[in-house]
Protein backbone atom coordinates (compact mmCIF):
# COMPACT_ATOMS: atom_id res chain seq x y z
CA UNK A 1 0.00 0.00 0.00
CA UNK A 2 1.39 3.38 -1.00
CA UNK A 3 1.92 5.89 1.84
CA UNK A 4 0.07 8.47 -0.26
CA UNK A 5 -3.15 6.43 0.19
CA UNK A 6 -2.58 6.63 3.96
CA UNK A 7 -2.16 10.42 3.75
CA UNK A 8 -5.27 10.78 1.58
CA UNK A 9 -7.22 8.63 4.05
CA UNK A 10 -6.27 10.80 7.02
CA UNK A 11 -7.12 13.99 5.11
CA UNK A 12 -10.53 12.64 4.02
CA UNK A 13 -11.35 11.39 7.56
CA UNK A 14 -10.30 14.75 9.04
CA UNK A 15 -12.46 16.71 6.59
CA UNK A 16 -15.47 14.43 7.16
CA UNK A 17 -15.16 14.77 10.95
CA UNK A 18 -14.95 18.57 10.62
CA UNK A 19 -18.04 18.59 8.39
CA UNK A 20 -20.02 16.33 10.75
CA UNK A 21 -18.95 18.40 13.76
CA UNK A 22 -20.04 21.58 11.94
CA UNK A 23 -23.48 20.15 11.15
CA UNK A 24 -24.10 18.72 14.65
CA UNK A 25 -22.62 21.41 16.89
CA UNK A 26 -23.09 24.50 14.75
CA UNK A 27 -20.60 27.18 13.74
CA UNK A 28 -20.41 28.73 17.27
CA UNK A 29 -18.47 25.71 18.58
CA UNK A 30 -15.34 26.30 16.48
CA UNK A 31 -13.00 25.23 19.30
CA UNK A 32 -14.54 21.76 19.41
CA UNK A 33 -14.20 21.40 15.63
CA UNK A 34 -10.53 22.42 15.70
CA UNK A 35 -9.84 20.01 18.58
CA UNK A 36 -11.55 17.17 16.67
CA UNK A 37 -9.61 17.96 13.49
CA UNK A 38 -6.31 17.92 15.41
CA UNK A 39 -7.22 14.58 17.03
CA UNK A 40 -8.00 13.09 13.61
CA UNK A 41 -5.05 14.59 11.72
CA UNK A 42 -2.20 13.98 14.24
CA UNK A 43 -1.35 10.55 12.69
CA UNK A 44 -0.76 12.41 9.40
CA UNK A 45 2.18 14.21 11.04
CA UNK A 46 3.60 10.81 12.02
CA UNK A 47 3.11 9.54 8.46
CA UNK A 48 4.95 12.45 6.78
CA UNK A 49 8.41 11.49 8.21
CA UNK A 50 7.84 7.89 7.00
CA UNK A 51 7.18 9.13 3.45
CA UNK A 52 10.23 11.39 3.76
CA UNK A 53 12.28 8.37 4.87
CA UNK A 54 11.21 6.42 1.77
CA UNK A 55 12.17 9.38 -0.43
CA UNK A 56 15.50 10.35 1.17
CA UNK A 57 16.76 7.22 2.87
CA UNK A 58 17.78 6.24 6.39
CA UNK A 59 20.69 8.67 6.86
CA UNK A 60 18.49 11.69 6.12
CA UNK A 61 15.92 10.51 8.70
CA UNK A 62 18.64 10.08 11.35
CA UNK A 63 19.80 13.67 10.68
CA UNK A 64 16.19 14.90 10.95
CA UNK A 65 15.65 13.06 14.29
CA UNK A 66 18.86 14.57 15.71
CA UNK A 67 17.69 18.04 14.60
CA UNK A 68 14.29 17.55 16.26
CA UNK A 69 15.83 16.23 19.48
CA UNK A 70 18.09 19.31 19.68
CA UNK A 71 15.06 21.62 19.36
CA UNK A 72 13.07 19.95 22.17
């Protein structure tokens, strides 16, 4: 399975959840919608480094992890 299908799946699920939340809760509850979207889309941010790894190889990922660990 291509990682791009995984990305597309997360995006579609996130958009559907936002739409459903909008219909049920109404526009005034924007905070709840944003929170729901973040909860649904956080795995996407875990998937992006995996795609990047496939594109750039193991050494590039190790460099990226070291960079991130220095920031935090």
